[in-house]
Amino acid sequence: MTDNPVALVVGATGLSGSHLAERLKNEGWTVVTLSRGAFDAPWSDRHVAADLEDANASRAALADARDVSHVFYCTWSRQDSEDANVRVNGAMIRTLFAGLEQAPLRHAGLVTGLKHYLGPFEDYATSAPQTPFLESQPRLPGPNFYYEQEDVLFEAAARRGLTWSVHRPHTMIGYALGNAMNMGVTLAVYATICRHTGRPFLYPGSHAQYHGLTDITDARILADQILWAATAEGAQNRAYNIVNGDIFRWRWMWGEIAGYFGLEPAGCPPTPRPLEDQMIDAASIWPDLVAAHGLQDKAVDRLASWWHTDADLGREIECVTDMTESRLRGFNGYRSSRQSFFDVFDRLVAEKIIPDPKRKEA
C-alpha cells in the first residue's frame, strides 16, 4: 500500500487474530491489538485491553485506536443458546464500530466460518445444503450469530462508506494456546495422552466424516486471504470461503497423525467415542506428563477443546468447500493439510507444550 496502514486486530490472542496480526506486521503495517486482558507480543505495536461485552468501558478504551484505517474482527463469545449468541455477538461488533466512530476507517474484515452453511451448534449440520459449500448459497432459516455479525458489518460499511470482506474458514489449524476451537492442538494433546497411557488412538467421530471427503484451513492461509481482500484491486465487498486447497479423508489423515506420534491408528469404532468422554480424566493425567518431560505448566483444558473437535469430527455429512470466488479474483494461496498439522505439532514440541514423540517414553 502507498501509505502506512494502521490495523486493529480484534481477538489478537486467538487462532485467526494472532496469525493475522503477525502477517500484517511482517508486511510493514502498524498493528494495534485488542483482547480482554493485557497482552504482549513482538508483532503488537500497541494494545487495547477491552471486553466488548462491556459497551461503556470498550468505547472509552477504543479512544486509543482513533488512528485505525483497517479493522479485522476475529473473535466471538460462546453463549448457552443461539439466540443468546446472536444477541451478545451482535452487540459486541456494534460496540466496536461505535468505539471507532472517529477513526479514519477504510476497510473492515470479518472472520466467521462454515457454520454459515452448517448452522449453529444446537442445530449443527442437520439441515445443511449439499456440498461443496458455495458463497452464493442462501442463508439457512433460524438464528445464526454469523448472519447477525455480517448484517452489522454491512450496515456500518454502507453508513461510513467502507469496503468490507467476510472470510469463512473451515476447521482452522494453527499454533495458538487457550483457543476455544483448536483442533490441531487438541489432537496433539489427545495423541500424547494415548501414547503416555497406552490407550488406542481411536478416531472419535462419525463414519461419514471418517470415510468422506473434507478440507481444513491453515490459519496462515486465512491471514493471507484477509490481507489480499483488504488490499488487492477488485477484491473488496465480497464474502469468501477459505480452505487450504487440497482435500482428504480422515481415514488417511488419522494414520498420518498417528505416525507422527509413533502410534498405530485404531480407526473408527462402530459407534462414536467422543473425546469429551475419552478424555474425562485428562486433567489428572496431564500434570504427570508435564513433570516427566519438563513441559510448560499449562492446564490441559487451556490447550484442548474436546467439545469443538467432537463437533467437527462427528458431523454426519461430507464437508467440502468451494474456493471459486477468490480464485477468480486472483487469490491462489495453497497449503498442504498434512503439513498444517505437522507444523503445529513441531512447534508444540519446540515450545515444550508436548513431549517430543521421537524420544522414547521413560
Protein backbone atom coordinates (compact mmCIF):
# COMPACT_ATOMS: atom_id res chain seq x y z
CA MET A 1 0.00 0.00 0.00
CA THR A 2 1.16 3.56 -0.61
CA ASP A 3 0.80 4.77 2.99
CA ASN A 4 1.35 3.18 6.37
CA PRO A 5 -1.96 1.48 7.20
CA VAL A 6 -2.94 1.00 10.83
CA ALA A 7 -4.76 -2.25 11.57
CA LEU A 8 -6.85 -3.02 14.62
CA VAL A 9 -7.00 -6.80 15.11
CA VAL A 10 -9.86 -7.75 17.43
CA GLY A 11 -9.26 -11.09 19.12
CA ALA A 12 -5.49 -10.87 18.76
CA THR A 13 -4.75 -13.72 21.17
CA GLY A 14 -6.86 -16.20 19.20
CA LEU A 15 -6.02 -18.52 16.38
CA SER A 16 -7.05 -16.34 13.44
CA GLY A 17 -6.25 -12.99 15.06
CA SER A 18 -2.72 -13.84 16.18
CA HIS A 19 -1.69 -15.17 12.76
CA LEU A 20 -3.24 -12.19 11.01
CA ALA A 21 -1.56 -9.67 13.30
CA GLU A 22 1.84 -11.26 12.76
CA ARG A 23 1.27 -11.35 8.99
CA LEU A 24 0.34 -7.66 8.88
CA LYS A 25 3.34 -6.67 10.99
CA ASN A 26 5.65 -8.57 8.65
CA GLU A 27 4.16 -6.56 5.76
CA GLY A 28 5.04 -3.26 7.45
CA TRP A 29 1.64 -2.38 8.91
CA THR A 30 1.21 -0.71 12.27
CA VAL A 31 -0.67 -3.29 14.33
CA VAL A 32 -2.99 -2.41 17.20
CA THR A 33 -4.23 -5.48 19.04
CA LEU A 34 -7.38 -5.83 21.11
CA SER A 35 -8.29 -8.52 23.62
CA ARG A 36 -9.90 -8.72 27.03
CA GLY A 37 -6.69 -8.64 29.06
CA ALA A 38 -3.10 -7.50 28.97
CA PHE A 39 -1.12 -8.74 26.00
CA ASP A 40 2.45 -8.54 24.82
CA ALA A 41 3.76 -9.85 21.51
CA PRO A 42 6.53 -8.65 19.17
CA TRP A 43 4.01 -8.03 16.40
CA SER A 44 1.80 -5.76 18.52
CA ASP A 45 2.76 -2.09 18.29
CA ARG A 46 0.04 -1.05 20.72
CA HIS A 47 -2.53 -2.98 22.72
CA VAL A 48 -6.07 -2.10 23.74
CA ALA A 49 -7.46 -4.12 26.65
CA ALA A 50 -11.22 -4.15 26.27
CA ASP A 51 -14.12 -6.53 26.81
CA LEU A 52 -16.56 -5.75 24.01
CA GLU A 53 -19.39 -7.17 26.12
CA ASP A 54 -18.93 -4.04 28.30
CA ALA A 55 -20.05 -1.31 25.91
CA ASN A 56 -19.21 1.73 28.03
CA ALA A 57 -15.73 0.57 29.04
CA SER A 58 -14.95 -0.53 25.47
CA ARG A 59 -15.86 2.82 23.95
CA ALA A 60 -13.50 4.53 26.40
CA ALA A 61 -10.69 2.04 25.71
CA LEU A 62 -11.09 2.42 21.94
CA ALA A 63 -10.12 6.08 22.24
CA ASP A 64 -6.58 4.72 21.85
CA ALA A 65 -7.47 3.36 18.40
CA ARG A 66 -8.62 6.53 16.66
CA ASP A 67 -5.88 6.31 14.04
CA VAL A 68 -7.08 2.92 12.74
CA SER A 69 -7.58 2.63 8.97
CA HIS A 70 -8.46 -1.10 8.85
CA VAL A 71 -10.28 -3.22 11.40
CA PHE A 72 -10.31 -7.02 11.40
CA TYR A 73 -12.83 -8.79 13.63
CA CYS A 74 -11.60 -12.26 14.65
CA THR A 75 -13.47 -13.11 17.83
CA TRP A 76 -16.74 -14.33 19.32
CA SER A 77 -18.25 -15.11 22.70
CA ARG A 78 -19.87 -18.51 23.23
CA GLN A 79 -23.28 -18.44 24.92
CA ASP A 80 -25.75 -21.09 26.10
CA SER A 81 -28.11 -20.77 23.12
CA GLU A 82 -28.02 -19.43 19.59
CA ASP A 83 -30.49 -16.69 20.46
CA ALA A 84 -28.04 -15.55 23.12
CA ASN A 85 -25.13 -15.92 20.68
CA VAL A 86 -26.96 -13.62 18.25
CA ARG A 87 -27.71 -11.04 20.94
CA VAL A 88 -24.28 -10.97 22.57
CA ASN A 89 -22.09 -11.29 19.49
CA GLY A 90 -24.15 -8.78 17.55
CA ALA A 91 -23.84 -6.30 20.39
CA MET A 92 -20.07 -6.82 20.57
CA ILE A 93 -19.41 -5.88 16.95
CA ARG A 94 -21.81 -2.93 17.23
CA THR A 95 -19.83 -1.73 20.24
CA LEU A 96 -16.64 -1.99 18.21
CA PHE A 97 -17.91 0.19 15.38
CA ALA A 98 -19.37 2.70 17.86
CA GLY A 99 -15.98 2.98 19.55
CA LEU A 100 -14.29 3.59 16.18
CA GLU A 101 -16.73 6.28 15.07
CA GLN A 102 -13.96 8.90 14.95
CA ALA A 103 -11.33 6.63 13.34
CA PRO A 104 -10.45 7.11 9.64
CA LEU A 105 -11.65 3.61 8.73
CA ARG A 106 -11.34 2.47 5.13
CA HIS A 107 -11.91 -1.29 5.35
CA ALA A 108 -13.43 -3.81 7.75
CA GLY A 109 -12.84 -7.56 7.61
CA LEU A 110 -14.88 -10.19 9.47
CA VAL A 111 -13.91 -13.81 10.16
CA THR A 112 -16.85 -16.21 10.56
CA GLY A 113 -16.83 -19.84 9.41
CA LEU A 114 -18.68 -22.78 7.91
CA LYS A 115 -21.48 -22.57 10.47
CA HIS A 116 -22.75 -20.08 7.91
CA TYR A 117 -23.66 -23.21 5.89
CA LEU A 118 -23.86 -25.85 8.63
CA GLY A 119 -25.99 -23.97 11.15
CA PRO A 120 -25.43 -23.16 14.84
CA PHE A 121 -24.09 -25.66 17.37
CA GLU A 122 -27.56 -26.52 18.71
CA ASP A 123 -28.74 -27.48 15.20
CA TYR A 124 -25.35 -28.30 13.70
CA ALA A 125 -25.11 -29.96 10.28
CA THR A 126 -28.69 -31.28 10.41
CA SER A 127 -30.15 -29.27 7.51
CA ALA A 128 -27.04 -28.20 5.65
CA PRO A 129 -27.09 -27.83 1.87
CA GLN A 130 -25.26 -30.21 -0.40
CA THR A 131 -21.51 -29.74 -0.62
CA PRO A 132 -19.36 -28.19 -1.90
CA PHE A 133 -20.39 -25.09 0.06
CA LEU A 134 -20.77 -22.04 -2.20
CA GLU A 135 -20.71 -18.39 -1.13
CA SER A 136 -23.80 -17.85 -3.28
CA GLN A 137 -25.93 -20.27 -1.24
CA PRO A 138 -28.79 -18.62 0.67
CA ARG A 139 -28.73 -18.35 4.41
CA LEU A 140 -30.28 -21.14 6.43
CA PRO A 141 -33.53 -20.40 8.30
CA GLY A 142 -33.34 -19.67 12.01
CA PRO A 143 -30.95 -17.71 14.23
CA ASN A 144 -27.24 -17.70 13.43
CA PHE A 145 -24.84 -15.23 15.02
CA TYR A 146 -22.67 -15.20 11.90
CA TYR A 147 -25.58 -13.68 9.98
CA GLU A 148 -26.03 -11.05 12.69
CA GLN A 149 -22.33 -10.16 12.58
CA GLU A 150 -22.49 -9.83 8.80
CA ASP A 151 -25.54 -7.57 8.97
CA VAL A 152 -23.84 -5.25 11.45
CA LEU A 153 -20.77 -5.15 9.19
CA PHE A 154 -22.85 -4.39 6.10
CA GLU A 155 -24.74 -1.60 7.88
CA ALA A 156 -21.53 0.01 9.16
CA ALA A 157 -19.88 -0.23 5.74
CA ALA A 158 -22.86 1.35 3.98
CA ARG A 159 -23.19 4.13 6.54
CA ARG A 160 -19.48 5.02 6.60
CA GLY A 161 -18.51 4.26 3.02
CA LEU A 162 -16.12 1.42 3.94
CA THR A 163 -15.06 -1.53 1.89
CA TRP A 164 -15.52 -4.90 3.60
CA SER A 165 -14.74 -8.58 3.36
CA VAL A 166 -16.08 -11.71 5.06
CA HIS A 167 -13.95 -14.83 5.44
CA ARG A 168 -15.41 -18.28 6.08
CA PRO A 169 -12.73 -20.81 7.08
CA HIS A 170 -13.38 -24.48 7.70
CA THR A 171 -11.79 -26.15 10.74
CA MET A 172 -8.80 -23.92 11.47
CA ILE A 173 -5.36 -25.36 12.14
CA GLY A 174 -2.56 -23.29 13.65
CA TYR A 175 -0.46 -22.65 16.72
CA ALA A 176 -2.35 -20.86 19.49
CA LEU A 177 -2.88 -21.70 23.14
CA GLY A 178 -6.07 -21.17 25.12
CA ASN A 179 -8.22 -21.10 21.98
CA ALA A 180 -11.75 -22.49 22.15
CA MET A 181 -11.71 -24.00 18.66
CA ASN A 182 -8.30 -25.52 18.06
CA MET A 183 -8.24 -28.99 16.54
CA GLY A 184 -4.50 -29.13 15.87
CA VAL A 185 -3.51 -28.63 19.50
CA THR A 186 -6.42 -30.78 20.72
CA LEU A 187 -5.37 -33.78 18.62
CA ALA A 188 -1.74 -33.34 19.69
CA VAL A 189 -2.79 -33.47 23.36
CA TYR A 190 -5.03 -36.49 22.69
CA ALA A 191 -2.27 -38.37 20.87
CA THR A 192 0.22 -37.51 23.61
CA ILE A 193 -2.10 -38.90 26.29
CA CYS A 194 -2.76 -42.05 24.24
CA ARG A 195 0.98 -42.56 23.87
CA HIS A 196 1.61 -41.98 27.57
CA THR A 197 -1.19 -44.26 28.80
CA GLY A 198 -1.12 -46.91 26.09
CA ARG A 199 -4.71 -46.19 25.08
CA PRO A 200 -5.75 -46.84 21.47
CA PHE A 201 -5.66 -43.79 19.19
CA LEU A 202 -9.34 -44.02 18.24
CA TYR A 203 -10.97 -41.71 15.73
CA PRO A 204 -13.65 -40.12 17.93
CA GLY A 205 -16.24 -39.10 15.34
CA SER A 206 -18.68 -40.37 12.74
CA HIS A 207 -18.20 -42.84 9.91
CA ALA A 208 -19.45 -40.15 7.50
CA GLN A 209 -16.55 -37.87 8.42
CA TYR A 210 -14.01 -40.68 8.64
CA HIS A 211 -14.72 -42.00 5.14
CA GLY A 212 -15.96 -38.84 3.40
CA LEU A 213 -14.02 -36.04 1.76
CA THR A 214 -13.18 -32.95 3.76
CA ASP A 215 -10.81 -29.97 3.96
CA ILE A 216 -9.32 -27.66 6.58
CA THR A 217 -7.98 -24.10 6.83
CA ASP A 218 -4.44 -23.27 7.87
CA ALA A 219 -4.54 -20.09 9.98
CA ARG A 220 -1.72 -18.74 7.83
CA ILE A 221 -3.66 -19.03 4.58
CA LEU A 222 -6.60 -17.30 6.24
CA ALA A 223 -4.27 -14.43 7.14
CA ASP A 224 -3.02 -14.35 3.55
CA GLN A 225 -6.56 -14.08 2.20
CA ILE A 226 -7.62 -11.38 4.67
CA LEU A 227 -4.62 -9.25 3.67
CA TRP A 228 -5.33 -9.86 -0.02
CA ALA A 229 -9.01 -8.92 0.34
CA ALA A 230 -8.09 -5.68 2.09
CA THR A 231 -5.53 -4.57 -0.48
CA ALA A 232 -5.95 -6.22 -3.90
CA GLU A 233 -7.83 -4.27 -6.55
CA GLY A 234 -11.34 -5.62 -7.03
CA ALA A 235 -11.20 -8.00 -4.04
CA GLN A 236 -13.34 -5.97 -1.64
CA ASN A 237 -17.04 -6.17 -0.83
CA ARG A 238 -17.21 -9.96 -1.09
CA ALA A 239 -17.68 -12.96 1.17
CA TYR A 240 -15.04 -15.64 0.64
CA ASN A 241 -14.65 -19.24 1.63
CA ILE A 242 -11.08 -20.10 2.60
CA VAL A 243 -9.52 -23.56 2.82
CA ASN A 244 -6.08 -24.96 2.06
CA GLY A 245 -6.90 -26.09 -1.47
CA ASP A 246 -6.40 -29.84 -1.02
CA ILE A 247 -8.94 -32.41 0.14
CA PHE A 248 -8.50 -35.60 2.14
CA ARG A 249 -10.32 -38.35 4.01
CA TRP A 250 -9.85 -38.65 7.75
CA ARG A 251 -9.19 -42.37 7.42
CA TRP A 252 -5.93 -41.33 5.68
CA MET A 253 -5.12 -38.25 7.78
CA TRP A 254 -5.70 -40.19 11.01
CA GLY A 255 -2.93 -42.58 10.03
CA GLU A 256 -0.61 -39.67 9.18
CA ILE A 257 -1.20 -38.04 12.57
CA ALA A 258 -0.77 -41.37 14.36
CA GLY A 259 2.54 -41.89 12.55
CA TYR A 260 3.84 -38.50 13.71
CA PHE A 261 3.28 -39.57 17.32
CA GLY A 262 4.59 -43.09 16.88
CA LEU A 263 1.13 -44.60 17.33
CA GLU A 264 -0.88 -47.19 15.49
CA PRO A 265 -4.14 -45.69 14.17
CA ALA A 266 -7.00 -47.55 15.86
CA GLY A 267 -9.51 -46.50 13.23
CA CYS A 268 -13.17 -45.58 13.61
CA PRO A 269 -15.14 -47.71 16.10
CA PRO A 270 -18.72 -48.85 15.29
CA THR A 271 -20.18 -46.04 17.41
CA PRO A 272 -18.54 -42.65 18.04
CA ARG A 273 -16.23 -42.31 21.05
CA PRO A 274 -16.23 -38.54 21.66
CA LEU A 275 -13.10 -37.00 23.10
CA GLU A 276 -15.11 -35.41 25.90
CA ASP A 277 -15.81 -38.96 27.13
CA GLN A 278 -12.41 -40.49 26.33
CA MET A 279 -10.53 -37.61 27.94
CA ILE A 280 -12.65 -37.25 31.07
CA ASP A 281 -9.52 -37.91 33.17
CA ALA A 282 -7.13 -35.78 31.10
CA ALA A 283 -6.82 -33.11 33.79
CA SER A 284 -5.42 -35.67 36.24
CA ILE A 285 -3.05 -37.24 33.68
CA TRP A 286 -1.54 -34.09 32.19
CA PRO A 287 0.40 -32.86 35.26
CA ASP A 288 2.33 -36.15 35.30
CA LEU A 289 3.32 -35.57 31.66
CA VAL A 290 4.37 -32.01 32.43
CA ALA A 291 6.57 -33.16 35.31
CA ALA A 292 8.04 -36.17 33.49
CA HIS A 293 9.04 -34.23 30.38
CA GLY A 294 9.76 -30.76 31.76
CA LEU A 295 6.91 -29.19 29.80
CA GLN A 296 5.43 -25.75 30.24
CA ASP A 297 2.91 -25.91 33.06
CA LYS A 298 -0.28 -25.40 31.06
CA ALA A 299 -3.61 -26.79 32.23
CA VAL A 300 -4.94 -29.32 29.74
CA ASP A 301 -8.31 -27.55 29.50
CA ARG A 302 -6.44 -24.46 28.27
CA LEU A 303 -4.85 -26.49 25.48
CA ALA A 304 -7.54 -28.89 24.27
CA SER A 305 -11.09 -28.05 23.16
CA TRP A 306 -12.60 -31.54 23.19
CA TRP A 307 -16.15 -30.32 22.52
CA HIS A 308 -15.26 -28.44 19.34
CA THR A 309 -13.18 -31.23 17.83
CA ASP A 310 -16.01 -33.66 18.66
CA ALA A 311 -18.46 -31.39 16.82
CA ASP A 312 -16.29 -31.20 13.70
CA LEU A 313 -15.36 -34.88 13.56
CA GLY A 314 -18.85 -36.05 14.49
CA ARG A 315 -20.74 -34.48 11.60
CA GLU A 316 -22.86 -36.90 9.58
CA ILE A 317 -22.27 -35.22 6.23
CA GLU A 318 -19.31 -34.81 3.92
CA CYS A 319 -17.87 -31.29 4.08
CA VAL A 320 -16.05 -29.79 1.10
CA THR A 321 -15.64 -26.07 0.50
CA ASP A 322 -15.61 -24.28 -2.85
CA MET A 323 -12.98 -21.56 -3.43
CA THR A 324 -14.12 -20.23 -6.81
CA GLU A 325 -14.96 -16.68 -5.66
CA SER A 326 -11.43 -15.78 -4.56
CA ARG A 327 -9.70 -17.90 -7.21
CA LEU A 328 -11.43 -15.97 -9.99
CA ARG A 329 -10.27 -12.70 -8.42
CA GLY A 330 -6.63 -13.70 -8.14
CA PHE A 331 -6.12 -15.35 -4.76
CA ASN A 332 -4.12 -18.52 -5.39
CA GLY A 333 -2.87 -19.44 -1.92
CA TYR A 334 -2.36 -23.13 -1.14
CA ARG A 335 -1.26 -25.15 1.89
CA SER A 336 -0.70 -28.86 2.43
CA SER A 337 -3.17 -30.00 5.09
CA ARG A 338 -0.85 -32.74 6.32
CA GLN A 339 1.88 -30.14 6.76
CA SER A 340 -0.53 -27.77 8.51
CA PHE A 341 -0.96 -30.35 11.27
CA PHE A 342 2.73 -31.27 11.38
CA ASP A 343 3.84 -27.62 11.62
CA VAL A 344 1.62 -27.18 14.68
CA PHE A 345 2.93 -30.39 16.24
CA ASP A 346 6.55 -29.35 15.57
CA ARG A 347 6.03 -26.01 17.27
CA LEU A 348 4.26 -27.58 20.24
CA VAL A 349 7.34 -29.79 20.69
CA ALA A 350 9.74 -26.85 20.23
CA GLU A 351 7.84 -24.73 22.77
CA LYS A 352 7.73 -27.67 25.21
CA ILE A 353 3.96 -27.83 25.28
CA ILE A 354 4.01 -31.55 24.40
CA PRO A 355 6.89 -34.05 24.67
CA ASP A 356 8.90 -34.95 21.59
CA PRO A 357 7.34 -38.18 20.26
CA LYS A 358 10.67 -39.13 18.71
CA ARG A 359 12.02 -39.70 22.20
CA LYS A 360 11.02 -42.89 23.95
CA GLU A 361 8.73 -42.71 26.96
CA ALA A 362 10.60 -43.08 30.24
